[in-house]
Amino acid sequence: MYLVERSSGNKVMEYRGHQINNHSINCKFNLQDSYVYSGSADGGFYIYDIMKSDPVKVLKVSDKVLSAIDVSEGKVIAGDHDGKLYYWKK
C-alpha cells in the first residue's frame, strides 16, 4: 500500500506487513489523518503511523480475509469475507 502525493503523484510512503493475495482490501485514514487502518488477507487489522512503513499494531480479528474498513467519529468498523462485522471504539 502506498501513500501518494495528490498534486505530483510521487510516492511518499510504502506500508508493509498486511497481505493482499489478489483480494480487494480496503484502507482508511483516521479522522486526524495520523494513522492508516488496513484489513488483510490473513484476517488481521493493521494500524500504521502515517509516517512509518511498518505497522504500530496488528490485531488478529478473523480467520477470513478482513477486507472492509470504515472510520467514523473515532469508531472503526471492519468486515470479513463471511459478512461478520467487528467494531472498535477508540
Protein backbone atom coordinates (compact mmCIF):
# COMPACT_ATOMS: atom_id res chain seq x y z
CA MET A 1 0.00 0.00 0.00
CA TYR A 2 1.36 3.43 -0.92
CA LEU A 3 0.70 6.98 0.23
CA VAL A 4 0.89 9.19 -2.87
CA GLU A 5 1.10 12.97 -3.05
CA ARG A 6 -2.02 14.10 -4.86
CA SER A 7 -0.55 17.01 -6.82
CA SER A 8 2.60 15.30 -8.12
CA GLY A 9 1.74 11.60 -7.99
CA ASN A 10 5.01 10.95 -6.13
CA LYS A 11 5.11 8.07 -3.66
CA VAL A 12 5.55 9.44 -0.13
CA MET A 13 5.39 6.23 1.93
CA GLU A 14 5.04 2.49 1.45
CA TYR A 15 3.23 0.46 4.13
CA ARG A 16 4.32 -3.15 4.66
CA GLY A 17 3.09 -6.17 6.57
CA HIS A 18 -0.51 -6.75 5.58
CA GLN A 19 -1.36 -9.30 2.88
CA ILE A 20 -3.44 -8.74 -0.24
CA ASN A 21 -3.28 -12.13 -2.04
CA ASN A 22 -5.40 -10.99 -5.03
CA HIS A 23 -8.20 -9.64 -2.79
CA SER A 24 -9.63 -6.15 -2.74
CA ILE A 25 -8.59 -4.84 0.68
CA ASN A 26 -9.93 -1.53 1.97
CA CYS A 27 -7.93 1.01 3.96
CA LYS A 28 -8.91 4.26 5.70
CA PHE A 29 -7.27 7.17 7.48
CA ASN A 30 -8.31 8.05 11.00
CA LEU A 31 -10.10 11.39 11.43
CA GLN A 32 -6.85 13.25 12.21
CA ASP A 33 -5.02 11.72 9.21
CA SER A 34 -2.27 10.46 11.54
CA TYR A 35 -2.92 6.71 11.14
CA VAL A 36 -3.87 4.39 8.29
CA TYR A 37 -6.05 1.36 9.03
CA SER A 38 -5.94 -1.65 6.71
CA GLY A 39 -7.51 -5.06 6.55
CA SER A 40 -5.51 -8.06 5.42
CA ALA A 41 -5.92 -11.43 3.73
CA ASP A 42 -4.58 -13.03 6.93
CA GLY A 43 -7.60 -11.70 8.91
CA GLY A 44 -5.53 -9.04 10.64
CA PHE A 45 -6.40 -5.41 11.28
CA TYR A 46 -3.24 -3.35 10.66
CA ILE A 47 -2.65 0.10 12.14
CA TYR A 48 0.11 2.26 10.62
CA ASP A 49 1.50 5.58 11.79
CA ILE A 50 1.19 7.63 8.61
CA MET A 51 4.95 8.30 8.58
CA LYS A 52 6.18 4.73 9.31
CA SER A 53 6.30 1.77 6.94
CA ASP A 54 5.73 -0.97 9.49
CA PRO A 55 2.51 -1.34 11.49
CA VAL A 56 2.42 0.06 15.02
CA LYS A 57 -0.22 -2.53 15.94
CA VAL A 58 -1.74 -5.66 14.42
CA LEU A 59 -4.95 -7.18 15.77
CA LYS A 60 -5.88 -10.72 14.74
CA VAL A 61 -9.58 -10.27 14.05
CA SER A 62 -10.77 -13.10 11.82
CA ASP A 63 -9.74 -16.36 10.20
CA LYS A 64 -11.10 -14.95 6.92
CA VAL A 65 -9.95 -12.07 4.73
CA LEU A 66 -10.62 -8.77 6.52
CA SER A 67 -11.50 -6.60 3.58
CA ALA A 68 -13.86 -3.79 4.62
CA ILE A 69 -12.78 -0.91 6.87
CA ASP A 70 -14.66 2.27 7.74
CA VAL A 71 -13.97 5.04 10.26
CA SER A 72 -16.48 7.47 11.75
CA GLU A 73 -16.12 9.74 14.80
CA GLY A 74 -13.39 7.66 16.42
CA LYS A 75 -15.14 4.36 15.73
CA VAL A 76 -13.79 1.69 13.41
CA ILE A 77 -15.92 -0.97 11.74
CA ALA A 78 -14.35 -3.87 9.83
CA GLY A 79 -15.92 -6.71 7.91
CA ASP A 80 -14.61 -10.07 6.74
CA HIS A 81 -15.43 -12.23 3.72
CA ASP A 82 -18.05 -14.18 5.73
CA GLY A 83 -20.02 -10.98 6.32
CA LYS A 84 -19.14 -10.70 10.02
CA LEU A 85 -18.68 -7.17 11.36
CA TYR A 86 -16.17 -6.10 14.04
CA TYR A 87 -16.40 -2.83 15.94
CA TRP A 88 -13.87 -0.79 17.93
CA LYS A 89 -14.26 2.49 19.69
CA LYS A 90 -11.07 4.40 20.32
